[in-house]
Amino acid sequence: MSNDMKPIHIIGGGLAGSEAAWQAAQMGVPVVLHEMRPQVKTAAHKTEGLAELVCSNSFRSDDAENNAVGLLHEEMRRCGSLVMAQGDRAAVPAGGALAVDRDIFSDGVTAALNDHPLVTIERGEIAGLPPAEWDHVIIATGPLTSPSLAHAIRDLSGEDALAFFDAIAPIIHKDSINMDIAWYQSRYDKQGPHGTGKDYINCPLDQAQYEAFIAALLESEKTVFRDWEKDTPYFEGCMPIEVMASRGIDTLRFGPMKPVGLTDPCTGKQPYAVVQLRQDNALGTLYNMVGFQTKTKYGAQTDIFRMIPGLEDAVFARLGGLHRNSFINSPKLLDGMLRLKAMPRLRFAGQITGCEGYVESASVGILAGRFAAAERLGVVIAPPPPTTAMGALLAHITGGAHADTFQPMNVNFGLFPPLAGKMKKKDRKPAMSRRALQDIDGWLDAHPVPAPRKVA
């Protein structure tokens, strides 16, 4: 393929943009990947690396048979995903989940794209709409799209962007955790592909400790929103713990603090409530508080979290935080190939489309990169079947959801077409997964463009 071919421009070097760049370049199409960091910083990012993970280091379940996220992992691997290849290489123990060392992961993605002969990385903000001469553009600016570009998109589409708040969980230095109280155990002792069955640190609370913790959490000083932020809804899958706690005394105990599948070795019993911590880096020196996204002010966080048994002397590498995420009304604004109806030379990918989650964002990046590359090559490509995880997610954000009530969505089996015939409940998810993998293989076999080269 000629290297003087006109490039595809991709705006945003997060997971979706990085994946889109990789897919297009693997198909022989040159790419210019624009990332505004470090020249322009965001409220959440800390480095200038591509595909930096912000609110968690977890890609969630890696169970391809019984979990829609795990199924999406497998489909992406079969598509030659850069994100999944580097995620597998940077994996840290997390039971049945795939969690990664953030730095190793980002460094791997950055190096792979830097080294690719068809990828050029340009640093700097794209202010406003991309130049008219850029005839194939993928906007993968994520939930923290720069204001100038967001305003240009709004003006062009005639639709205001929807928005939600996304919260960040604290990270703790492992050597500050009291292991005389806390213990290692995965829920139900599940080992998973990178784990041992003892991949989480668990901090137990009895009823009195739990109720005192909830009371302190509810009374704590919270981040004050500006007037224009006050009506912005939270995403249900990333709810701040104090918002969950306000819904009822037991909400956290049936959510991120649920004790089921865990046994305190000091008592031989299931605790009343548990705080779980998951390894955050390959060295095992940092652990993040699972599900503990928070908008509580920094000063209050340390006092409240040190009420948790085992964390009395916790040293925090990072406290929790909150940032505003924006996304477009994709079912109304995008066509089935992720193109903006008002200006088809613009495609969108990742969280800005309203897909929620790291792997979901990257999977839409795979599709956007392949769709744009196919157009540049002058070949026809069909979307993956809706029976696949990638196809189901694409169908949802480009028309399956109702535009008037559209909110961010993780991949789940509820997005898939139902199976024909009757079967036992326990057999449905495995059957849907088998159908999905068969159909994604068929889609890849029918792909009319060059197969992607193996990740080096």
Protein backbone atom coordinates (compact mmCIF):
# COMPACT_ATOMS: atom_id res chain seq x y z
CA MET A 1 0.00 0.00 0.00
CA SER A 2 1.39 3.41 -0.90
CA ASN A 3 2.56 5.51 2.01
CA ASP A 4 1.70 8.77 0.18
CA MET A 5 -2.01 8.02 0.60
CA LYS A 6 -3.91 10.88 2.24
CA PRO A 7 -4.06 10.20 5.99
CA ILE A 8 -6.94 9.74 8.35
CA HIS A 9 -6.84 12.31 11.15
CA ILE A 10 -7.75 11.05 14.62
CA ILE A 11 -8.32 13.58 17.39
CA GLY A 12 -7.69 12.20 20.86
CA GLY A 13 -5.05 9.76 22.08
CA GLY A 14 -7.12 7.88 24.64
CA LEU A 15 -8.10 4.23 24.33
CA ALA A 16 -10.56 4.78 21.47
CA GLY A 17 -8.27 7.06 19.47
CA SER A 18 -5.24 4.85 20.00
CA GLU A 19 -7.19 1.76 18.94
CA ALA A 20 -8.66 3.51 15.89
CA ALA A 21 -5.18 4.63 14.82
CA TRP A 22 -3.78 1.13 15.23
CA GLN A 23 -6.59 -0.54 13.28
CA ALA A 24 -6.41 1.89 10.36
CA ALA A 25 -2.62 1.71 10.19
CA GLN A 26 -2.67 -2.09 10.36
CA MET A 27 -4.91 -1.99 7.30
CA GLY A 28 -2.29 0.00 5.41
CA VAL A 29 -3.79 3.49 5.77
CA PRO A 30 -1.62 6.33 7.15
CA VAL A 31 -2.84 8.05 10.29
CA VAL A 32 -2.14 11.32 12.06
CA LEU A 33 -3.04 10.96 15.73
CA HIS A 34 -3.59 14.32 17.45
CA GLU A 35 -3.25 14.46 21.25
CA MET A 36 -3.46 17.82 23.01
CA ARG A 37 -1.55 16.72 26.12
CA PRO A 38 0.92 17.88 27.42
CA GLN A 39 0.41 21.27 25.73
CA VAL A 40 -3.17 21.37 27.02
CA LYS A 41 -3.96 19.48 30.22
CA THR A 42 -7.22 18.03 31.52
CA ALA A 43 -8.75 17.87 34.99
CA ALA A 44 -8.23 14.11 35.23
CA HIS A 45 -5.07 13.10 33.31
CA LYS A 46 -1.66 13.11 35.01
CA THR A 47 0.73 12.07 32.21
CA GLU A 48 1.27 12.71 28.50
CA GLY A 49 1.10 9.00 27.62
CA LEU A 50 -1.43 7.66 25.14
CA ALA A 51 -4.29 5.54 26.49
CA GLU A 52 -3.79 6.80 30.04
CA LEU A 53 -6.18 5.08 32.45
CA VAL A 54 -7.86 7.59 34.75
CA CYS A 55 -10.61 6.33 37.05
CA SER A 56 -9.66 2.66 37.43
CA ASN A 57 -7.08 0.14 36.31
CA SER A 58 -9.68 -2.57 35.71
CA PHE A 59 -11.02 -3.77 32.36
CA ARG A 60 -13.55 -5.74 34.44
CA SER A 61 -14.50 -9.39 33.90
CA ASP A 62 -12.43 -11.49 31.50
CA ASP A 63 -14.98 -14.33 31.46
CA ALA A 64 -15.86 -14.66 27.77
CA GLU A 65 -18.51 -17.32 28.40
CA ASN A 66 -20.73 -15.75 31.05
CA ASN A 67 -20.02 -12.02 30.99
CA ALA A 68 -20.67 -9.54 28.18
CA VAL A 69 -17.52 -7.56 29.02
CA GLY A 70 -15.39 -10.70 28.91
CA LEU A 71 -17.00 -11.59 25.60
CA LEU A 72 -16.13 -8.13 24.29
CA HIS A 73 -12.51 -8.72 25.37
CA GLU A 74 -12.37 -11.89 23.29
CA GLU A 75 -13.95 -10.28 20.23
CA MET A 76 -11.45 -7.44 20.43
CA ARG A 77 -8.54 -9.87 20.70
CA ARG A 78 -9.77 -11.58 17.54
CA CYS A 79 -9.78 -8.17 15.85
CA GLY A 80 -6.09 -7.67 16.64
CA SER A 81 -6.81 -5.08 19.33
CA LEU A 82 -3.81 -3.07 20.50
CA VAL A 83 -5.59 -2.24 23.76
CA MET A 84 -6.22 -5.89 24.59
CA ALA A 85 -2.72 -6.99 23.58
CA GLN A 86 -1.13 -4.38 25.84
CA GLY A 87 -3.71 -5.01 28.54
CA ASP A 88 -2.83 -8.70 28.62
CA ARG A 89 0.87 -7.84 28.81
CA ALA A 90 0.35 -5.38 31.65
CA ALA A 91 -2.05 -7.62 33.61
CA VAL A 92 -1.91 -7.75 37.41
CA PRO A 93 -3.75 -10.24 39.65
CA ALA A 94 -7.47 -9.42 39.91
CA GLY A 95 -9.37 -12.69 40.28
CA GLY A 96 -11.60 -13.24 37.28
CA ALA A 97 -11.12 -9.66 36.09
CA LEU A 98 -8.48 -8.15 33.82
CA ALA A 99 -6.72 -5.34 35.68
CA VAL A 100 -3.51 -3.76 34.50
CA ASP A 101 -0.51 -1.79 35.64
CA ARG A 102 -1.50 1.68 34.38
CA ASP A 103 2.01 2.84 33.50
CA ILE A 104 3.09 -0.38 31.74
CA PHE A 105 -0.15 -0.37 29.77
CA SER A 106 0.08 3.26 28.63
CA ASP A 107 3.79 2.94 27.86
CA GLY A 108 3.10 -0.15 25.73
CA VAL A 109 0.35 1.52 23.71
CA THR A 110 2.44 4.66 23.24
CA ALA A 111 5.51 2.70 22.11
CA ALA A 112 3.51 0.57 19.65
CA LEU A 113 2.00 3.63 17.97
CA ASN A 114 5.26 5.58 18.02
CA ASP A 115 6.98 2.66 16.30
CA HIS A 116 4.32 2.08 13.64
CA PRO A 117 5.55 3.35 10.24
CA LEU A 118 2.10 4.59 9.22
CA VAL A 119 1.30 6.48 12.43
CA THR A 120 2.34 10.09 13.07
CA ILE A 121 1.65 11.50 16.53
CA GLU A 122 1.15 15.27 16.72
CA ARG A 123 0.84 17.08 20.04
CA GLY A 124 -1.45 20.08 20.33
CA GLU A 125 -5.12 21.01 20.59
CA ILE A 126 -7.44 20.96 17.58
CA ALA A 127 -9.45 24.08 18.36
CA GLY A 128 -12.87 24.06 16.75
CA LEU A 129 -13.86 21.91 13.80
CA PRO A 130 -11.06 20.10 11.93
CA PRO A 131 -9.89 21.81 8.69
CA ALA A 132 -12.10 21.18 5.66
CA GLU A 133 -9.24 19.47 3.79
CA TRP A 134 -9.26 16.68 6.37
CA ASP A 135 -11.79 14.51 4.58
CA HIS A 136 -11.65 11.56 7.00
CA VAL A 137 -11.61 12.48 10.69
CA ILE A 138 -12.31 10.41 13.79
CA ILE A 139 -13.14 12.45 16.89
CA ALA A 140 -12.19 10.33 19.90
CA THR A 141 -11.71 13.10 22.41
CA GLY A 142 -13.42 11.22 25.20
CA PRO A 143 -15.44 12.63 28.05
CA LEU A 144 -13.09 15.60 28.54
CA THR A 145 -13.37 17.10 25.07
CA SER A 146 -11.82 20.58 24.91
CA PRO A 147 -14.41 23.37 25.15
CA SER A 148 -13.65 24.85 21.72
CA LEU A 149 -14.19 21.54 19.94
CA ALA A 150 -17.25 20.71 22.04
CA HIS A 151 -18.82 24.06 21.16
CA ALA A 152 -18.09 23.54 17.47
CA ILE A 153 -19.71 20.10 17.54
CA ARG A 154 -22.73 21.52 19.32
CA ASP A 155 -23.10 24.35 16.83
CA LEU A 156 -22.74 22.01 13.88
CA SER A 157 -25.16 19.35 15.10
CA GLY A 158 -27.76 21.66 16.56
CA GLU A 159 -27.87 19.47 19.66
CA ASP A 160 -26.47 20.29 23.07
CA ALA A 161 -24.13 17.63 24.42
CA LEU A 162 -25.45 15.64 27.31
CA ALA A 163 -23.19 15.32 30.33
CA PHE A 164 -22.59 13.35 33.52
CA PHE A 165 -20.12 13.38 36.39
CA ASP A 166 -17.50 10.65 36.65
CA ALA A 167 -15.73 10.04 39.96
CA ILE A 168 -12.23 8.68 40.68
CA ALA A 169 -11.41 6.15 43.42
CA PRO A 170 -8.51 6.63 45.88
CA ILE A 171 -5.24 4.66 45.63
CA ILE A 172 -3.40 3.48 48.77
CA HIS A 173 0.21 2.45 49.41
CA LYS A 174 0.04 -1.27 50.18
CA ASP A 175 2.63 -1.17 52.96
CA SER A 176 0.37 1.19 54.94
CA ILE A 177 -2.46 -1.38 55.13
CA ASN A 178 -2.76 -3.27 58.44
CA MET A 179 -2.63 -6.92 57.38
CA ASP A 180 -3.29 -8.08 60.94
CA ILE A 181 -6.89 -7.03 60.23
CA ALA A 182 -7.13 -7.17 56.44
CA TRP A 183 -6.62 -10.36 54.42
CA TYR A 184 -6.12 -11.55 50.85
CA GLN A 185 -9.04 -13.24 49.11
CA SER A 186 -10.93 -13.03 45.82
CA ARG A 187 -14.68 -13.25 46.06
CA TYR A 188 -15.62 -16.95 46.14
CA ASP A 189 -11.84 -17.61 45.84
CA LYS A 190 -12.12 -17.13 42.08
CA GLN A 191 -8.70 -17.34 40.44
CA GLY A 192 -9.21 -16.03 36.93
CA PRO A 193 -6.56 -16.01 34.18
CA HIS A 194 -4.06 -13.77 36.00
CA GLY A 195 -4.98 -14.49 39.61
CA THR A 196 -4.52 -16.90 42.50
CA GLY A 197 -7.86 -16.66 44.30
CA LYS A 198 -6.25 -14.20 46.73
CA ASP A 199 -6.08 -11.14 44.53
CA TYR A 200 -7.91 -8.56 46.65
CA ILE A 201 -7.14 -7.11 50.06
CA ASN A 202 -10.30 -7.15 52.18
CA CYS A 203 -11.03 -4.82 55.11
CA PRO A 204 -13.95 -6.04 57.28
CA LEU A 205 -16.50 -3.90 59.11
CA ASP A 206 -18.98 -5.02 61.76
CA GLN A 207 -22.41 -3.40 61.93
CA ALA A 208 -21.39 -0.61 64.30
CA GLN A 209 -18.30 0.23 62.26
CA TYR A 210 -20.28 0.22 59.03
CA GLU A 211 -23.02 2.50 60.39
CA ALA A 212 -20.44 4.92 61.82
CA PHE A 213 -18.66 4.99 58.45
CA ILE A 214 -21.91 5.72 56.58
CA ALA A 215 -22.81 8.49 59.02
CA ALA A 216 -19.40 10.15 58.61
CA LEU A 217 -19.60 9.82 54.85
CA LEU A 218 -23.01 11.48 54.68
CA GLU A 219 -21.92 14.31 56.99
CA SER A 220 -18.65 15.00 55.12
CA GLU A 221 -17.97 18.18 53.16
CA LYS A 222 -18.58 17.58 49.44
CA THR A 223 -17.38 19.20 46.25
CA VAL A 224 -19.55 22.20 45.46
CA PHE A 225 -20.88 22.25 41.92
CA ARG A 226 -21.07 25.35 39.80
CA ASP A 227 -24.55 26.47 38.71
CA TRP A 228 -24.21 25.01 35.21
CA GLU A 229 -23.18 21.62 36.67
CA LYS A 230 -25.94 21.15 39.24
CA ASP A 231 -28.40 19.37 36.96
CA THR A 232 -25.82 17.09 35.33
CA PRO A 233 -26.72 13.43 36.00
CA TYR A 234 -24.29 10.85 37.33
CA PHE A 235 -23.58 7.68 35.37
CA GLU A 236 -25.11 4.83 37.39
CA GLY A 237 -22.11 2.54 36.80
CA CYS A 238 -19.67 5.02 38.38
CA MET A 239 -21.74 6.50 41.21
CA PRO A 240 -19.90 8.35 44.02
CA ILE A 241 -20.14 6.35 47.25
CA GLU A 242 -21.76 9.20 49.18
CA VAL A 243 -24.51 9.43 46.55
CA MET A 244 -25.11 5.68 46.92
CA ALA A 245 -25.06 6.00 50.73
CA SER A 246 -27.71 8.73 50.57
CA ARG A 247 -30.09 6.24 48.96
CA GLY A 248 -30.30 4.10 52.11
CA ILE A 249 -28.22 2.72 54.96
CA ASP A 250 -27.68 -0.66 53.27
CA THR A 251 -27.06 0.55 49.70
CA LEU A 252 -23.26 0.30 49.95
CA ARG A 253 -23.49 -3.03 51.78
CA PHE A 254 -25.30 -4.43 48.75
CA GLY A 255 -22.99 -2.60 46.34
CA PRO A 256 -19.21 -2.09 46.50
CA MET A 257 -19.09 -3.07 50.20
CA LYS A 258 -20.97 -6.36 49.81
CA PRO A 259 -19.39 -9.17 51.89
CA VAL A 260 -20.74 -12.18 49.99
CA GLY A 261 -18.18 -14.82 48.99
CA LEU A 262 -15.65 -13.61 51.58
CA THR A 263 -14.64 -15.10 54.94
CA ASP A 264 -12.74 -13.16 57.59
CA PRO A 265 -9.94 -15.52 58.75
CA CYS A 266 -9.97 -13.88 62.20
CA THR A 267 -13.60 -14.88 62.84
CA GLY A 268 -14.24 -17.63 60.32
CA LYS A 269 -17.41 -15.80 59.33
CA GLN A 270 -18.68 -13.50 56.60
CA PRO A 271 -18.26 -9.87 57.73
CA TYR A 272 -21.16 -7.43 57.92
CA ALA A 273 -19.53 -5.32 55.19
CA VAL A 274 -16.19 -5.27 53.35
CA VAL A 275 -14.02 -2.74 51.58
CA GLN A 276 -12.01 -4.41 48.81
CA LEU A 277 -8.72 -3.11 47.44
CA ARG A 278 -7.36 -4.24 44.06
CA GLN A 279 -3.73 -4.23 42.95
CA ASP A 280 -3.05 -1.14 40.82
CA ASN A 281 0.52 -1.65 39.58
CA ALA A 282 2.77 -4.55 38.59
CA LEU A 283 5.03 -4.10 41.63
CA GLY A 284 2.05 -4.61 43.92
CA THR A 285 2.90 -1.48 45.91
CA LEU A 286 -0.34 0.38 45.15
CA TYR A 287 -3.95 -0.74 45.68
CA ASN A 288 -7.13 1.08 44.69
CA MET A 289 -10.36 1.09 46.66
CA VAL A 290 -12.80 -0.85 44.50
CA GLY A 291 -15.96 1.09 43.73
CA PHE A 292 -14.98 3.99 46.01
CA GLN A 293 -15.38 6.88 43.60
CA THR A 294 -16.05 9.97 45.65
CA LYS A 295 -16.78 13.70 45.55
CA THR A 296 -15.89 14.16 49.24
CA LYS A 297 -13.31 16.91 49.75
CA TYR A 298 -9.70 15.80 50.20
CA GLY A 299 -9.36 16.76 53.86
CA ALA A 300 -12.41 14.72 54.84
CA GLN A 301 -11.46 11.71 52.71
CA THR A 302 -8.39 10.75 54.73
CA ASP A 303 -10.25 10.97 58.06
CA ILE A 304 -13.26 8.99 56.84
CA PHE A 305 -11.36 6.26 54.99
CA ARG A 306 -9.06 5.73 57.98
CA MET A 307 -12.19 4.72 59.94
CA ILE A 308 -12.14 1.49 57.91
CA PRO A 309 -10.51 -1.36 59.87
CA GLY A 310 -7.12 -2.09 58.33
CA LEU A 311 -6.79 1.43 56.92
CA GLU A 312 -6.19 3.26 60.21
CA ASP A 313 -2.76 4.39 59.01
CA ALA A 314 -3.43 4.36 55.28
CA VAL A 315 -1.14 6.48 53.11
CA PHE A 316 -2.86 7.68 49.95
CA ALA A 317 -1.00 7.85 46.64
CA ARG A 318 -4.06 9.57 45.18
CA LEU A 319 -7.29 10.71 46.74
CA GLY A 320 -10.66 10.40 45.06
CA GLY A 321 -11.97 13.09 42.75
CA LEU A 322 -14.71 14.15 40.40
CA HIS A 323 -14.76 15.46 36.86
CA ARG A 324 -17.42 16.37 34.34
CA ASN A 325 -17.82 14.06 31.36
CA SER A 326 -19.63 14.98 28.15
CA PHE A 327 -21.12 12.86 25.39
CA ILE A 328 -23.20 13.45 22.30
CA ASN A 329 -26.71 12.22 21.59
CA SER A 330 -25.39 9.49 19.30
CA PRO A 331 -28.71 7.80 18.37
CA LYS A 332 -29.88 11.13 16.94
CA LEU A 333 -26.59 12.49 15.55
CA LEU A 334 -24.70 9.48 14.16
CA ASP A 335 -25.38 7.01 11.37
CA GLY A 336 -24.71 3.29 11.61
CA MET A 337 -21.07 3.78 10.57
CA LEU A 338 -20.41 6.33 13.35
CA ARG A 339 -20.50 9.30 10.96
CA LEU A 340 -22.00 12.62 11.99
CA LYS A 341 -25.13 13.01 9.87
CA ALA A 342 -24.63 16.76 9.61
CA MET A 343 -21.04 16.33 8.34
CA PRO A 344 -20.19 12.74 7.30
CA ARG A 345 -16.45 13.38 7.01
CA LEU A 346 -16.47 13.37 10.83
CA ARG A 347 -16.71 10.10 12.72
CA PHE A 348 -16.94 9.67 16.47
CA ALA A 349 -15.50 6.95 18.69
CA GLY A 350 -15.17 6.14 22.37
CA GLN A 351 -16.86 7.62 25.41
CA ILE A 352 -17.98 10.75 23.59
CA THR A 353 -20.46 8.50 21.75
CA GLY A 354 -22.09 7.42 25.01
CA CYS A 355 -20.50 4.00 25.36
CA GLU A 356 -19.25 3.67 28.92
CA GLY A 357 -16.12 1.84 30.01
CA TYR A 358 -12.54 1.42 28.86
CA VAL A 359 -13.03 -1.65 26.70
CA GLU A 360 -16.33 -0.42 25.28
CA SER A 361 -14.61 2.80 24.21
CA ALA A 362 -11.71 0.91 22.64
CA SER A 363 -14.07 -1.45 20.81
CA VAL A 364 -15.85 1.50 19.18
CA GLY A 365 -12.38 2.76 18.28
CA ILE A 366 -11.75 -0.53 16.48
CA LEU A 367 -14.91 -0.05 14.43
CA ALA A 368 -14.31 3.63 13.66
CA GLY A 369 -10.75 2.89 12.54
CA ARG A 370 -11.84 0.05 10.30
CA PHE A 371 -14.80 1.95 8.84
CA ALA A 372 -12.64 5.00 8.04
CA ALA A 373 -9.81 2.89 6.59
CA ALA A 374 -12.24 0.94 4.41
CA GLU A 375 -13.63 4.18 3.00
CA ARG A 376 -10.14 5.45 2.31
CA LEU A 377 -9.34 2.18 0.51
CA GLY A 378 -12.56 2.38 -1.51
CA VAL A 379 -14.03 -0.86 -0.22
CA VAL A 380 -17.36 -1.64 1.40
CA ILE A 381 -17.53 -2.88 4.97
CA ALA A 382 -20.64 -3.83 6.91
CA PRO A 383 -21.05 -3.33 10.66
CA PRO A 384 -20.52 -6.46 12.77
CA PRO A 385 -23.74 -8.41 13.41
CA PRO A 386 -25.83 -7.21 16.37
CA THR A 387 -25.49 -10.73 17.80
CA THR A 388 -21.87 -9.86 18.65
CA ALA A 389 -20.80 -7.71 21.59
CA MET A 390 -19.23 -5.13 19.30
CA GLY A 391 -22.24 -5.10 16.99
CA ALA A 392 -24.73 -4.89 19.85
CA LEU A 393 -22.94 -1.91 21.37
CA LEU A 394 -22.68 -0.18 18.00
CA ALA A 395 -26.37 -0.77 17.27
CA HIS A 396 -27.32 0.64 20.66
CA ILE A 397 -25.43 3.93 20.34
CA THR A 398 -26.38 4.50 16.71
CA GLY A 399 -30.11 3.92 16.94
CA GLY A 400 -31.04 1.13 19.33
CA ALA A 401 -31.33 3.54 22.25
CA HIS A 402 -34.03 6.19 22.49
CA ALA A 403 -32.55 9.59 21.67
CA ASP A 404 -34.78 11.42 24.16
CA THR A 405 -33.58 9.33 27.12
CA PHE A 406 -30.06 8.40 25.95
CA GLN A 407 -27.51 7.83 28.72
CA PRO A 408 -24.05 6.15 28.79
CA MET A 409 -24.22 2.37 28.63
CA ASN A 410 -21.82 -0.48 29.37
CA VAL A 411 -22.00 -3.56 27.16
CA ASN A 412 -24.47 -6.12 28.54
CA PHE A 413 -26.42 -9.09 27.27
CA GLY A 414 -29.60 -7.01 27.35
CA LEU A 415 -28.35 -5.27 24.19
CA PHE A 416 -28.16 -8.57 22.25
CA PRO A 417 -30.98 -10.02 20.14
CA PRO A 418 -32.69 -12.86 22.04
CA LEU A 419 -31.90 -16.47 21.30
CA ALA A 420 -34.36 -18.59 19.38
CA GLY A 421 -36.19 -21.24 21.37
CA LYS A 422 -36.31 -21.92 25.09
CA MET A 423 -33.44 -22.87 27.35
CA LYS A 424 -32.50 -22.79 31.01
CA LYS A 425 -31.45 -19.44 32.40
CA LYS A 426 -27.95 -20.67 33.24
CA ASP A 427 -27.42 -21.72 29.62
CA ARG A 428 -28.45 -18.43 27.99
CA LYS A 429 -25.28 -16.38 28.45
CA PRO A 430 -22.93 -19.16 27.29
CA ALA A 431 -25.19 -19.73 24.27
CA MET A 432 -25.19 -16.01 23.42
CA SER A 433 -21.41 -15.95 23.77
CA ARG A 434 -20.96 -18.94 21.47
CA ARG A 435 -23.23 -17.31 18.89
CA ALA A 436 -21.34 -14.02 19.19
CA LEU A 437 -17.89 -15.55 18.70
CA GLN A 438 -19.10 -17.57 15.72
CA ASP A 439 -20.59 -14.43 14.19
CA ILE A 440 -17.57 -12.21 14.85
CA ASP A 441 -15.37 -14.82 13.20
CA GLY A 442 -17.71 -14.83 10.22
CA TRP A 443 -17.58 -11.03 10.05
CA LEU A 444 -13.79 -11.04 10.15
CA ASP A 445 -13.60 -13.79 7.49
CA ALA A 446 -15.84 -11.70 5.22
CA HIS A 447 -13.79 -8.56 5.83
CA PRO A 448 -13.05 -7.06 2.42
CA VAL A 449 -9.87 -5.25 3.50
CA PRO A 450 -6.42 -6.63 4.40
CA ALA A 451 -6.34 -8.53 7.67
CA PRO A 452 -4.58 -6.66 10.45
CA ARG A 453 -0.98 -7.60 11.08
CA LYS A 454 -0.15 -9.32 14.35
CA VAL A 455 0.72 -7.03 17.27
CA ALA A 456 4.51 -6.95 17.56
